[in-house]
Amino acid sequence: QDLGVADFHCVTGWTVRGRSYTGVPLRDLLSKVAGGRWVMATSMSGYSSVMPFEEAANSYVILSMDGRELPPESGRPARLFNPRLYGWKSAKWLASIEVLDYYVDGYWEALAYHERGLVSANERFKIRNPEVSDLCVG
């Protein structure tokens, strides 16, 4: 379905504005799952990224951009995308989506990047953030 226009934000400070996307709201897929606090996306290359379940429910599996099939460098055949989160959360070449009851670092999270990565809160690196990090316990 047409997902409208959104911006893509890189953690290094650049933004691609006003792209239109077509795909599937991840909430449609997650509605079939009972429970879970975290969602891990893994790419065909083995790259992985984790996000809180609530943010994953606001994400999309993107299949096309600006009316054209995703180019390989942008993640064809599919990539995860959440316009609220920094780009490292948008796994390219999407191979699997796993719902977890517990927190596990993805690739960049293991290198001290933030568990959630919310652009509006400038969540770039891990800090003691009770709103998110308390979810990591247990």
N, C-alpha and C. Protein backbone atom coordinates (compact mmCIF):
# COMPACT_ATOMS: atom_id res chain seq x y z
N GLN A 1 0.83 -1.18 0.00
CA GLN A 1 0.00 0.00 0.00
C GLN A 1 0.87 1.24 0.00
N ASP A 2 0.30 2.35 -0.41
CA ASP A 2 1.01 3.62 -0.41
C ASP A 2 1.17 4.07 1.04
N LEU A 3 2.40 4.28 1.46
CA LEU A 3 2.67 4.66 2.84
C LEU A 3 2.90 6.16 2.99
N GLY A 4 2.83 6.89 1.90
CA GLY A 4 2.99 8.34 1.95
C GLY A 4 4.44 8.77 1.87
N VAL A 5 4.67 10.01 2.26
CA VAL A 5 5.98 10.65 2.16
C VAL A 5 6.60 10.73 3.55
N ALA A 6 7.90 10.43 3.63
CA ALA A 6 8.61 10.50 4.91
C ALA A 6 10.08 10.83 4.66
N ASP A 7 10.76 11.25 5.70
CA ASP A 7 12.18 11.55 5.65
C ASP A 7 12.99 10.40 6.23
N PHE A 8 14.20 10.24 5.74
CA PHE A 8 15.14 9.22 6.22
C PHE A 8 16.31 9.94 6.86
N HIS A 9 16.61 9.64 8.13
CA HIS A 9 17.64 10.33 8.90
C HIS A 9 18.81 9.42 9.19
N CYS A 10 20.01 9.88 8.86
CA CYS A 10 21.22 9.13 9.18
C CYS A 10 21.79 9.65 10.50
N VAL A 11 22.32 8.75 11.30
CA VAL A 11 22.88 9.10 12.59
C VAL A 11 24.06 10.07 12.46
N THR A 12 24.70 10.11 11.29
CA THR A 12 25.84 11.01 11.08
C THR A 12 25.42 12.44 10.79
N GLY A 13 24.10 12.68 10.63
CA GLY A 13 23.62 14.05 10.51
C GLY A 13 22.94 14.41 9.21
N TRP A 14 22.99 13.58 8.18
CA TRP A 14 22.32 13.93 6.94
C TRP A 14 20.92 13.33 6.90
N THR A 15 20.08 13.95 6.10
CA THR A 15 18.68 13.53 5.95
C THR A 15 18.30 13.55 4.48
N VAL A 16 17.56 12.54 4.06
CA VAL A 16 16.93 12.53 2.73
C VAL A 16 15.47 12.86 2.97
N ARG A 17 15.03 13.96 2.41
CA ARG A 17 13.67 14.44 2.68
C ARG A 17 12.69 14.11 1.55
N GLY A 18 11.44 13.85 1.96
CA GLY A 18 10.34 13.81 1.02
C GLY A 18 10.28 12.63 0.06
N ARG A 19 10.74 11.47 0.46
CA ARG A 19 10.61 10.28 -0.39
C ARG A 19 9.25 9.65 -0.15
N SER A 20 8.67 9.07 -1.20
CA SER A 20 7.40 8.35 -1.03
C SER A 20 7.71 6.85 -1.04
N TYR A 21 6.97 6.12 -0.21
CA TYR A 21 7.24 4.70 -0.01
C TYR A 21 5.98 3.87 -0.22
N THR A 22 6.20 2.64 -0.68
CA THR A 22 5.13 1.65 -0.82
C THR A 22 5.60 0.40 -0.09
N GLY A 23 4.69 -0.22 0.65
CA GLY A 23 5.07 -1.43 1.36
C GLY A 23 3.96 -1.90 2.29
N VAL A 24 4.38 -2.55 3.36
CA VAL A 24 3.45 -3.16 4.30
C VAL A 24 3.72 -2.60 5.70
N PRO A 25 2.70 -2.07 6.37
CA PRO A 25 2.89 -1.66 7.76
C PRO A 25 3.27 -2.88 8.60
N LEU A 26 4.35 -2.78 9.34
CA LEU A 26 4.79 -3.91 10.15
C LEU A 26 3.75 -4.27 11.21
N ARG A 27 2.96 -3.31 11.64
CA ARG A 27 1.92 -3.58 12.65
C ARG A 27 0.95 -4.65 12.14
N ASP A 28 0.72 -4.70 10.82
CA ASP A 28 -0.16 -5.72 10.25
C ASP A 28 0.41 -7.12 10.48
N LEU A 29 1.71 -7.26 10.36
CA LEU A 29 2.36 -8.55 10.62
C LEU A 29 2.45 -8.83 12.12
N LEU A 30 2.79 -7.80 12.90
CA LEU A 30 2.95 -7.99 14.35
C LEU A 30 1.63 -8.24 15.06
N SER A 31 0.51 -7.88 14.44
CA SER A 31 -0.80 -8.10 15.07
C SER A 31 -1.09 -9.59 15.24
N LYS A 32 -0.35 -10.42 14.53
CA LYS A 32 -0.52 -11.88 14.62
C LYS A 32 0.29 -12.49 15.75
N VAL A 33 1.07 -11.64 16.46
CA VAL A 33 2.00 -12.12 17.49
C VAL A 33 1.48 -11.74 18.87
N ALA A 34 1.51 -12.68 19.78
CA ALA A 34 1.13 -12.40 21.18
C ALA A 34 2.39 -12.15 21.98
N GLY A 35 2.44 -11.02 22.67
CA GLY A 35 3.57 -10.73 23.53
C GLY A 35 4.78 -10.23 22.77
N GLY A 36 5.89 -10.15 23.48
CA GLY A 36 7.13 -9.65 22.90
C GLY A 36 7.38 -8.21 23.27
N ARG A 37 8.64 -7.91 23.57
CA ARG A 37 9.02 -6.55 23.96
C ARG A 37 9.99 -5.90 22.98
N TRP A 38 10.65 -6.73 22.17
CA TRP A 38 11.64 -6.25 21.22
C TRP A 38 11.44 -6.94 19.87
N VAL A 39 11.86 -6.27 18.80
CA VAL A 39 11.80 -6.85 17.46
C VAL A 39 13.20 -6.76 16.85
N MET A 40 13.69 -7.90 16.38
CA MET A 40 15.01 -7.98 15.74
C MET A 40 14.80 -8.19 14.25
N ALA A 41 15.38 -7.30 13.45
CA ALA A 41 15.36 -7.44 12.00
C ALA A 41 16.75 -7.88 11.56
N THR A 42 16.80 -8.87 10.69
CA THR A 42 18.08 -9.39 10.20
C THR A 42 18.07 -9.35 8.68
N SER A 43 19.19 -8.92 8.11
CA SER A 43 19.31 -8.83 6.66
C SER A 43 19.95 -10.10 6.10
N MET A 44 19.88 -10.23 4.77
CA MET A 44 20.48 -11.38 4.11
C MET A 44 22.00 -11.41 4.30
N SER A 45 22.60 -10.26 4.61
CA SER A 45 24.04 -10.18 4.83
C SER A 45 24.44 -10.57 6.26
N GLY A 46 23.44 -10.75 7.14
CA GLY A 46 23.70 -11.06 8.53
C GLY A 46 23.61 -9.86 9.45
N TYR A 47 23.53 -8.65 8.89
CA TYR A 47 23.34 -7.43 9.68
C TYR A 47 22.04 -7.54 10.46
N SER A 48 22.04 -7.02 11.68
CA SER A 48 20.81 -7.05 12.48
C SER A 48 20.64 -5.74 13.23
N SER A 49 19.40 -5.42 13.53
CA SER A 49 19.06 -4.24 14.31
C SER A 49 17.83 -4.55 15.15
N VAL A 50 17.82 -4.00 16.35
CA VAL A 50 16.74 -4.26 17.30
C VAL A 50 16.02 -2.95 17.62
N MET A 51 14.72 -3.05 17.88
CA MET A 51 13.96 -1.87 18.33
C MET A 51 12.84 -2.33 19.27
N PRO A 52 12.42 -1.42 20.15
CA PRO A 52 11.29 -1.77 21.03
C PRO A 52 10.06 -2.13 20.19
N PHE A 53 9.27 -3.04 20.70
CA PHE A 53 8.07 -3.51 20.00
C PHE A 53 7.19 -2.35 19.56
N GLU A 54 7.01 -1.35 20.42
CA GLU A 54 6.13 -0.22 20.10
C GLU A 54 6.63 0.54 18.89
N GLU A 55 7.95 0.70 18.76
CA GLU A 55 8.51 1.37 17.59
C GLU A 55 8.40 0.49 16.36
N ALA A 56 8.60 -0.79 16.52
CA ALA A 56 8.47 -1.72 15.39
C ALA A 56 7.06 -1.66 14.83
N ALA A 57 6.07 -1.50 15.70
CA ALA A 57 4.68 -1.42 15.26
C ALA A 57 4.42 -0.16 14.43
N ASN A 58 5.33 0.82 14.50
CA ASN A 58 5.24 2.04 13.69
C ASN A 58 6.17 1.99 12.49
N SER A 59 6.70 0.82 12.17
CA SER A 59 7.64 0.64 11.07
C SER A 59 6.94 0.03 9.87
N TYR A 60 7.67 -0.03 8.77
CA TYR A 60 7.13 -0.55 7.51
C TYR A 60 8.15 -1.47 6.85
N VAL A 61 7.65 -2.46 6.14
CA VAL A 61 8.48 -3.24 5.23
C VAL A 61 8.33 -2.56 3.88
N ILE A 62 9.39 -1.90 3.43
CA ILE A 62 9.35 -1.10 2.21
C ILE A 62 9.72 -1.96 1.01
N LEU A 63 8.91 -1.83 -0.06
CA LEU A 63 9.15 -2.58 -1.29
C LEU A 63 9.50 -1.67 -2.46
N SER A 64 9.05 -0.40 -2.40
CA SER A 64 9.40 0.54 -3.46
C SER A 64 9.53 1.95 -2.89
N MET A 65 10.25 2.77 -3.64
CA MET A 65 10.49 4.15 -3.21
C MET A 65 10.32 5.06 -4.43
N ASP A 66 9.58 6.14 -4.26
CA ASP A 66 9.32 7.10 -5.33
C ASP A 66 8.76 6.44 -6.59
N GLY A 67 7.87 5.45 -6.38
CA GLY A 67 7.19 4.81 -7.49
C GLY A 67 8.01 3.77 -8.24
N ARG A 68 9.21 3.46 -7.74
CA ARG A 68 10.07 2.46 -8.40
C ARG A 68 10.52 1.41 -7.40
N GLU A 69 10.76 0.21 -7.90
CA GLU A 69 11.30 -0.86 -7.07
C GLU A 69 12.57 -0.36 -6.37
N LEU A 70 12.76 -0.78 -5.12
CA LEU A 70 13.98 -0.39 -4.41
C LEU A 70 15.21 -0.80 -5.22
N PRO A 71 16.17 0.10 -5.37
CA PRO A 71 17.42 -0.33 -6.00
C PRO A 71 18.20 -1.22 -5.03
N PRO A 72 19.08 -2.08 -5.54
CA PRO A 72 19.84 -2.98 -4.66
C PRO A 72 20.56 -2.24 -3.53
N GLU A 73 21.16 -1.09 -3.82
CA GLU A 73 21.91 -0.37 -2.78
C GLU A 73 21.00 0.21 -1.70
N SER A 74 19.70 0.28 -1.97
CA SER A 74 18.74 0.76 -0.97
C SER A 74 18.01 -0.38 -0.27
N GLY A 75 18.37 -1.64 -0.62
CA GLY A 75 17.84 -2.76 0.14
C GLY A 75 16.94 -3.73 -0.59
N ARG A 76 16.81 -3.63 -1.92
CA ARG A 76 15.96 -4.58 -2.63
C ARG A 76 16.33 -6.00 -2.28
N PRO A 77 15.33 -6.83 -2.01
CA PRO A 77 13.91 -6.70 -2.37
C PRO A 77 13.06 -5.97 -1.33
N ALA A 78 13.52 -5.90 -0.08
CA ALA A 78 12.72 -5.24 0.96
C ALA A 78 13.63 -4.73 2.06
N ARG A 79 13.21 -3.66 2.69
CA ARG A 79 13.94 -3.15 3.84
C ARG A 79 12.95 -2.67 4.88
N LEU A 80 13.39 -2.68 6.11
CA LEU A 80 12.58 -2.15 7.20
C LEU A 80 12.78 -0.64 7.23
N PHE A 81 11.75 0.11 7.61
CA PHE A 81 11.88 1.57 7.68
C PHE A 81 10.95 2.12 8.75
N ASN A 82 11.51 3.00 9.59
CA ASN A 82 10.73 3.73 10.57
C ASN A 82 11.20 5.18 10.50
N PRO A 83 10.37 6.11 10.00
CA PRO A 83 10.81 7.49 9.84
C PRO A 83 11.13 8.20 11.15
N ARG A 84 10.69 7.64 12.27
CA ARG A 84 10.99 8.23 13.59
C ARG A 84 12.39 7.88 14.09
N LEU A 85 12.98 6.83 13.51
CA LEU A 85 14.26 6.30 14.00
C LEU A 85 15.38 6.55 13.00
N TYR A 86 16.60 6.59 13.53
CA TYR A 86 17.77 6.74 12.67
C TYR A 86 17.89 5.55 11.72
N GLY A 87 18.53 5.77 10.60
CA GLY A 87 18.62 4.80 9.52
C GLY A 87 19.23 3.46 9.86
N TRP A 88 20.11 3.39 10.87
CA TRP A 88 20.70 2.08 11.18
C TRP A 88 19.66 1.08 11.67
N LYS A 89 18.50 1.55 12.04
CA LYS A 89 17.41 0.66 12.46
C LYS A 89 16.66 0.07 11.26
N SER A 90 16.94 0.59 10.05
CA SER A 90 16.24 0.19 8.83
C SER A 90 17.03 -0.87 8.08
N ALA A 91 16.98 -2.09 8.56
CA ALA A 91 17.76 -3.17 7.95
C ALA A 91 17.43 -3.34 6.47
N LYS A 92 18.48 -3.29 5.64
CA LYS A 92 18.34 -3.53 4.20
C LYS A 92 18.33 -5.03 3.93
N TRP A 93 17.88 -5.40 2.72
CA TRP A 93 17.89 -6.80 2.27
C TRP A 93 17.27 -7.71 3.33
N LEU A 94 16.10 -7.29 3.80
CA LEU A 94 15.43 -7.93 4.93
C LEU A 94 15.22 -9.43 4.69
N ALA A 95 15.70 -10.23 5.64
CA ALA A 95 15.57 -11.69 5.56
C ALA A 95 14.62 -12.22 6.62
N SER A 96 14.63 -11.61 7.83
CA SER A 96 13.75 -12.10 8.89
C SER A 96 13.42 -11.00 9.88
N ILE A 97 12.29 -11.20 10.53
CA ILE A 97 11.84 -10.33 11.61
C ILE A 97 11.47 -11.26 12.76
N GLU A 98 12.08 -11.05 13.91
CA GLU A 98 11.86 -11.92 15.06
C GLU A 98 11.38 -11.09 16.24
N VAL A 99 10.35 -11.57 16.91
CA VAL A 99 9.84 -10.92 18.11
C VAL A 99 10.50 -11.59 19.31
N LEU A 100 11.08 -10.77 20.20
CA LEU A 100 11.82 -11.26 21.36
C LEU A 100 11.18 -10.79 22.66
N ASP A 101 11.29 -11.61 23.68
CA ASP A 101 10.83 -11.22 25.02
C ASP A 101 11.91 -10.46 25.78
N TYR A 102 13.12 -10.47 25.28
CA TYR A 102 14.28 -9.90 25.98
C TYR A 102 15.12 -9.12 24.99
N TYR A 103 15.94 -8.22 25.50
CA TYR A 103 16.79 -7.38 24.66
C TYR A 103 18.05 -8.12 24.23
N VAL A 104 18.38 -7.99 22.95
CA VAL A 104 19.63 -8.49 22.39
C VAL A 104 20.18 -7.40 21.49
N ASP A 105 21.47 -7.09 21.61
CA ASP A 105 22.08 -6.10 20.73
C ASP A 105 22.04 -6.56 19.28
N GLY A 106 21.77 -5.62 18.38
CA GLY A 106 21.99 -5.82 16.96
C GLY A 106 23.41 -5.37 16.65
N TYR A 107 23.75 -5.26 15.38
CA TYR A 107 25.11 -4.92 14.97
C TYR A 107 25.61 -3.62 15.58
N TRP A 108 24.92 -2.49 15.30
CA TRP A 108 25.38 -1.20 15.82
C TRP A 108 25.11 -1.03 17.31
N GLU A 109 24.08 -1.66 17.81
CA GLU A 109 23.81 -1.57 19.26
C GLU A 109 24.94 -2.21 20.05
N ALA A 110 25.56 -3.25 19.50
CA ALA A 110 26.71 -3.89 20.16
C ALA A 110 27.92 -2.97 20.17
N LEU A 111 27.91 -1.95 19.31
CA LEU A 111 29.00 -0.97 19.24
C LEU A 111 28.61 0.34 19.91
N ALA A 112 27.67 0.27 20.86
CA ALA A 112 27.26 1.38 21.73
C ALA A 112 26.25 2.34 21.12
N TYR A 113 25.62 1.96 20.01
CA TYR A 113 24.53 2.78 19.50
C TYR A 113 23.28 2.51 20.33
N HIS A 114 22.39 3.47 20.35
CA HIS A 114 21.22 3.47 21.23
C HIS A 114 20.27 2.31 20.94
N GLU A 115 19.61 1.84 21.98
CA GLU A 115 18.65 0.73 21.85
C GLU A 115 17.45 1.11 20.99
N ARG A 116 17.00 2.36 21.07
CA ARG A 116 15.82 2.79 20.30
C ARG A 116 16.21 3.62 19.08
N GLY A 117 17.00 4.67 19.24
CA GLY A 117 17.44 5.49 18.12
C GLY A 117 16.43 6.50 17.62
N LEU A 118 15.67 7.11 18.53
CA LEU A 118 14.63 8.09 18.18
C LEU A 118 15.28 9.40 17.74
N VAL A 119 14.98 9.84 16.52
CA VAL A 119 15.57 11.04 15.95
C VAL A 119 15.22 12.27 16.78
N SER A 120 13.96 12.45 17.14
CA SER A 120 13.52 13.66 17.84
C SER A 120 14.16 13.82 19.21
N ALA A 121 14.65 12.72 19.80
CA ALA A 121 15.33 12.79 21.11
C ALA A 121 16.85 12.69 20.95
N ASN A 122 17.34 12.70 19.69
CA ASN A 122 18.77 12.61 19.41
C ASN A 122 19.40 11.38 20.07
N GLU A 123 18.71 10.26 20.03
CA GLU A 123 19.19 9.03 20.67
C GLU A 123 20.18 8.31 19.74
N ARG A 124 21.42 8.73 19.84
CA ARG A 124 22.47 8.17 18.99
C ARG A 124 23.25 7.08 19.72
N PHE A 125 23.63 7.33 20.94
CA PHE A 125 24.48 6.39 21.67
C PHE A 125 23.82 5.96 22.97
N LYS A 126 24.20 4.79 23.44
CA LYS A 126 23.60 4.25 24.67
C LYS A 126 23.97 5.14 25.85
N ILE A 127 22.94 5.48 26.61
CA ILE A 127 23.08 6.17 27.88
C ILE A 127 22.04 5.57 28.80
N ARG A 128 22.09 5.90 30.04
CA ARG A 128 21.08 5.40 30.98
C ARG A 128 19.78 6.11 30.69
N ASN A 129 18.89 5.44 29.98
CA ASN A 129 17.61 5.99 29.57
C ASN A 129 16.52 5.07 30.11
N PRO A 130 15.97 5.36 31.28
CA PRO A 130 14.99 4.46 31.89
C PRO A 130 13.81 4.14 30.98
N GLU A 131 13.43 5.07 30.10
CA GLU A 131 12.28 4.82 29.22
C GLU A 131 12.51 3.61 28.33
N VAL A 132 13.77 3.37 27.95
CA VAL A 132 14.09 2.25 27.07
C VAL A 132 14.93 1.19 27.75
N SER A 133 15.98 1.60 28.46
CA SER A 133 16.93 0.62 28.98
C SER A 133 16.32 -0.28 30.06
N ASP A 134 15.33 0.17 30.77
CA ASP A 134 14.69 -0.70 31.76
C ASP A 134 13.97 -1.87 31.08
N LEU A 135 13.62 -1.72 29.80
CA LEU A 135 13.04 -2.81 29.05
C LEU A 135 14.07 -3.92 28.80
N CYS A 136 15.36 -3.54 28.90
CA CYS A 136 16.45 -4.49 28.60
C CYS A 136 16.66 -5.50 29.73
N VAL A 137 16.12 -5.23 30.90
CA VAL A 137 16.29 -6.10 32.04
C VAL A 137 15.24 -7.23 31.99
N GLY A 138 15.68 -8.43 32.29
CA GLY A 138 14.74 -9.53 32.38
C GLY A 138 14.55 -10.18 31.09
